[in-house]
Amino acid sequence: MPFDDSVLNYCARWAEKSGLIWCEHIDFAERLSDMTGLPYFAGEGLDKHGNSIETFDGPAAILSIEANREGRNLQRFSRNLVSSPMQQGDRWQQLLARTHRDGQEADEVICDVVVSCR
């Protein structure tokens, strides 16, 4: 069965408005990065050039959920897209707290979630 790029294409269009795209699957994140040219921040919050998400000042980025859902101060962003929903509530709480925290200047912090079905 061939792969369907509809979720990748949706995420790429979403990123045009700026924000953080949170990914659980490495292959998906790397492919999205290749498609969009956006940096992918994986292990230790670093991209492939060793730059940190915490010093990144671009309008949009792709993040590993596992590597970045805790301990990152990302309140300069107010839009989030989770590309694959997590099952554990504590993981959601940690991820959302990266942008919804002290220092957030936006009136609203938005989190969109991709839910796909066959």
C-alpha atoms as a PDB file:
ATOM      1  CA  MET A   1       0.000   0.000   0.000  1.00  0.00           C
ATOM      2  CA  PRO A   2       1.502   3.391  -0.953  1.00  0.00           C
ATOM      3  CA  PHE A   3       2.062   6.056   1.676  1.00  0.00           C
ATOM      4  CA  ASP A   4      -0.329   8.976   1.882  1.00  0.00           C
ATOM      5  CA  ASP A   5       1.281  12.402   2.300  1.00  0.00           C
ATOM      6  CA  SER A   6      -1.919  14.183   3.324  1.00  0.00           C
ATOM      7  CA  VAL A   7      -0.860  14.650   6.978  1.00  0.00           C
ATOM      8  CA  LEU A   8       2.601  15.863   5.934  1.00  0.00           C
ATOM      9  CA  ASN A   9       0.997  18.314   3.505  1.00  0.00           C
ATOM     10  CA  TYR A  10      -1.432  19.531   6.176  1.00  0.00           C
ATOM     11  CA  CYS A  11       1.408  20.129   8.644  1.00  0.00           C
ATOM     12  CA  ALA A  12       3.435  21.967   5.999  1.00  0.00           C
ATOM     13  CA  ARG A  13       0.477  24.288   5.224  1.00  0.00           C
ATOM     14  CA  TRP A  14      -0.166  24.840   8.950  1.00  0.00           C
ATOM     15  CA  ALA A  15       3.469  25.895   9.477  1.00  0.00           C
ATOM     16  CA  GLU A  16       3.098  28.733   6.974  1.00  0.00           C
ATOM     17  CA  LYS A  17       1.314  30.729   9.705  1.00  0.00           C
ATOM     18  CA  SER A  18       4.122  30.065  12.222  1.00  0.00           C
ATOM     19  CA  GLY A  19       4.239  27.936  15.340  1.00  0.00           C
ATOM     20  CA  LEU A  20       5.619  24.683  16.675  1.00  0.00           C
ATOM     21  CA  ILE A  21       4.879  21.322  15.087  1.00  0.00           C
ATOM     22  CA  TRP A  22       5.291  18.562  17.659  1.00  0.00           C
ATOM     23  CA  CYS A  23       6.148  15.107  16.256  1.00  0.00           C
ATOM     24  CA  GLU A  24       6.333  11.705  17.869  1.00  0.00           C
ATOM     25  CA  HIS A  25       7.837   9.855  14.903  1.00  0.00           C
ATOM     26  CA  ILE A  26      11.378  10.685  13.768  1.00  0.00           C
ATOM     27  CA  ASP A  27      10.858   9.692  10.130  1.00  0.00           C
ATOM     28  CA  PHE A  28       7.767  11.894   9.889  1.00  0.00           C
ATOM     29  CA  ALA A  29       9.576  14.873  11.455  1.00  0.00           C
ATOM     30  CA  GLU A  30      12.629  14.498   9.234  1.00  0.00           C
ATOM     31  CA  ARG A  31      10.490  14.221   6.103  1.00  0.00           C
ATOM     32  CA  LEU A  32       8.478  17.283   7.143  1.00  0.00           C
ATOM     33  CA  SER A  33      11.717  19.172   7.721  1.00  0.00           C
ATOM     34  CA  ASP A  34      12.958  18.189   4.259  1.00  0.00           C
ATOM     35  CA  MET A  35       9.643  19.284   2.697  1.00  0.00           C
ATOM     36  CA  THR A  36       9.432  22.650   4.450  1.00  0.00           C
ATOM     37  CA  GLY A  37      13.032  23.598   5.155  1.00  0.00           C
ATOM     38  CA  LEU A  38      12.080  24.087   8.817  1.00  0.00           C
ATOM     39  CA  PRO A  39      14.581  22.959  11.444  1.00  0.00           C
ATOM     40  CA  TYR A  40      13.836  19.765  13.372  1.00  0.00           C
ATOM     41  CA  PHE A  41      14.837  19.936  17.034  1.00  0.00           C
ATOM     42  CA  ALA A  42      15.336  16.421  18.365  1.00  0.00           C
ATOM     43  CA  GLY A  43      17.662  15.058  21.063  1.00  0.00           C
ATOM     44  CA  GLU A  44      18.562  17.600  23.748  1.00  0.00           C
ATOM     45  CA  GLY A  45      16.503  20.207  21.872  1.00  0.00           C
ATOM     46  CA  LEU A  46      19.118  20.556  19.132  1.00  0.00           C
ATOM     47  CA  ASP A  47      18.775  20.656  15.351  1.00  0.00           C
ATOM     48  CA  LYS A  48      21.180  18.863  12.990  1.00  0.00           C
ATOM     49  CA  HIS A  49      23.592  21.823  13.192  1.00  0.00           C
ATOM     50  CA  GLY A  50      23.684  21.820  17.006  1.00  0.00           C
ATOM     51  CA  ASN A  51      21.449  24.899  17.408  1.00  0.00           C
ATOM     52  CA  SER A  52      19.082  24.929  20.386  1.00  0.00           C
ATOM     53  CA  ILE A  53      15.310  25.387  20.139  1.00  0.00           C
ATOM     54  CA  GLU A  54      15.578  27.765  23.097  1.00  0.00           C
ATOM     55  CA  THR A  55      17.670  30.234  21.082  1.00  0.00           C
ATOM     56  CA  PHE A  56      15.821  29.693  17.789  1.00  0.00           C
ATOM     57  CA  ASP A  57      14.079  32.880  16.664  1.00  0.00           C
ATOM     58  CA  GLY A  58      12.379  31.729  13.468  1.00  0.00           C
ATOM     59  CA  PRO A  59       8.621  31.749  12.995  1.00  0.00           C
ATOM     60  CA  ALA A  60       8.141  27.962  12.873  1.00  0.00           C
ATOM     61  CA  ALA A  61       9.953  24.775  13.846  1.00  0.00           C
ATOM     62  CA  ILE A  62       9.480  21.033  14.151  1.00  0.00           C
ATOM     63  CA  LEU A  63      10.081  19.459  17.556  1.00  0.00           C
ATOM     64  CA  SER A  64      10.444  15.953  18.895  1.00  0.00           C
ATOM     65  CA  ILE A  65       7.761  15.464  21.543  1.00  0.00           C
ATOM     66  CA  GLU A  66       9.965  13.165  23.590  1.00  0.00           C
ATOM     67  CA  ALA A  67      13.023  15.445  23.539  1.00  0.00           C
ATOM     68  CA  ASN A  68      11.264  18.776  24.097  1.00  0.00           C
ATOM     69  CA  ARG A  69       8.053  18.290  26.088  1.00  0.00           C
ATOM     70  CA  GLU A  70       9.803  19.052  29.374  1.00  0.00           C
ATOM     71  CA  GLY A  71      12.194  21.749  30.503  1.00  0.00           C
ATOM     72  CA  ARG A  72      12.017  24.085  27.522  1.00  0.00           C
ATOM     73  CA  ASN A  73      10.969  27.730  27.739  1.00  0.00           C
ATOM     74  CA  LEU A  74       9.107  28.287  24.486  1.00  0.00           C
ATOM     75  CA  GLN A  75       6.632  30.983  25.522  1.00  0.00           C
ATOM     76  CA  ARG A  76       7.623  33.165  22.564  1.00  0.00           C
ATOM     77  CA  PHE A  77       5.426  30.796  20.502  1.00  0.00           C
ATOM     78  CA  SER A  78       1.654  30.743  20.946  1.00  0.00           C
ATOM     79  CA  ARG A  79       0.639  28.209  18.289  1.00  0.00           C
ATOM     80  CA  ASN A  80       1.202  24.463  18.559  1.00  0.00           C
ATOM     81  CA  LEU A  81       0.323  21.566  16.267  1.00  0.00           C
ATOM     82  CA  VAL A  82       0.571  18.036  17.628  1.00  0.00           C
ATOM     83  CA  SER A  83       0.978  15.707  14.652  1.00  0.00           C
ATOM     84  CA  SER A  84       0.139  12.514  16.565  1.00  0.00           C
ATOM     85  CA  PRO A  85      -1.975  12.625  19.737  1.00  0.00           C
ATOM     86  CA  MET A  86      -0.469  11.221  22.906  1.00  0.00           C
ATOM     87  CA  GLN A  87      -2.399   8.964  25.249  1.00  0.00           C
ATOM     88  CA  GLN A  88      -0.926  10.100  28.575  1.00  0.00           C
ATOM     89  CA  GLY A  89      -2.379  13.214  30.212  1.00  0.00           C
ATOM     90  CA  ASP A  90       0.869  14.121  31.964  1.00  0.00           C
ATOM     91  CA  ARG A  91       2.640  14.284  28.578  1.00  0.00           C
ATOM     92  CA  TRP A  92      -0.019  16.681  27.278  1.00  0.00           C
ATOM     93  CA  GLN A  93       0.330  18.830  30.373  1.00  0.00           C
ATOM     94  CA  GLN A  94       4.098  19.051  29.969  1.00  0.00           C
ATOM     95  CA  LEU A  95       3.936  19.782  26.231  1.00  0.00           C
ATOM     96  CA  LEU A  96       1.314  22.512  26.592  1.00  0.00           C
ATOM     97  CA  ALA A  97       3.254  24.097  29.441  1.00  0.00           C
ATOM     98  CA  ARG A  98       6.163  24.812  27.077  1.00  0.00           C
ATOM     99  CA  THR A  99       4.202  27.686  25.500  1.00  0.00           C
ATOM    100  CA  HIS A 100       1.422  28.329  28.029  1.00  0.00           C
ATOM    101  CA  ARG A 101       3.583  29.700  30.836  1.00  0.00           C
ATOM    102  CA  ASP A 102       4.796  32.854  32.567  1.00  0.00           C
ATOM    103  CA  GLY A 103       6.125  35.311  30.029  1.00  0.00           C
ATOM    104  CA  GLN A 104       3.608  34.386  27.341  1.00  0.00           C
ATOM    105  CA  GLU A 105       2.485  37.626  25.693  1.00  0.00           C
ATOM    106  CA  ALA A 106      -0.266  36.287  23.423  1.00  0.00           C
ATOM    107  CA  ASP A 107      -3.884  36.544  24.562  1.00  0.00           C
ATOM    108  CA  GLU A 108      -4.396  32.911  23.586  1.00  0.00           C
ATOM    109  CA  VAL A 109      -2.206  29.851  23.269  1.00  0.00           C
ATOM    110  CA  ILE A 110      -3.550  27.533  20.582  1.00  0.00           C
ATOM    111  CA  CYS A 111      -2.943  23.825  20.258  1.00  0.00           C
ATOM    112  CA  ASP A 112      -4.249  22.087  17.151  1.00  0.00           C
ATOM    113  CA  VAL A 113      -4.170  18.297  16.958  1.00  0.00           C
ATOM    114  CA  VAL A 114      -4.040  16.106  13.852  1.00  0.00           C
ATOM    115  CA  VAL A 115      -6.403  13.160  14.145  1.00  0.00           C
ATOM    116  CA  SER A 116      -6.395  10.919  11.110  1.00  0.00           C
ATOM    117  CA  CYS A 117      -8.320   7.762  10.380  1.00  0.00           C
ATOM    118  CA  ARG A 118      -8.206   5.192   7.668  1.00  0.00           C
END
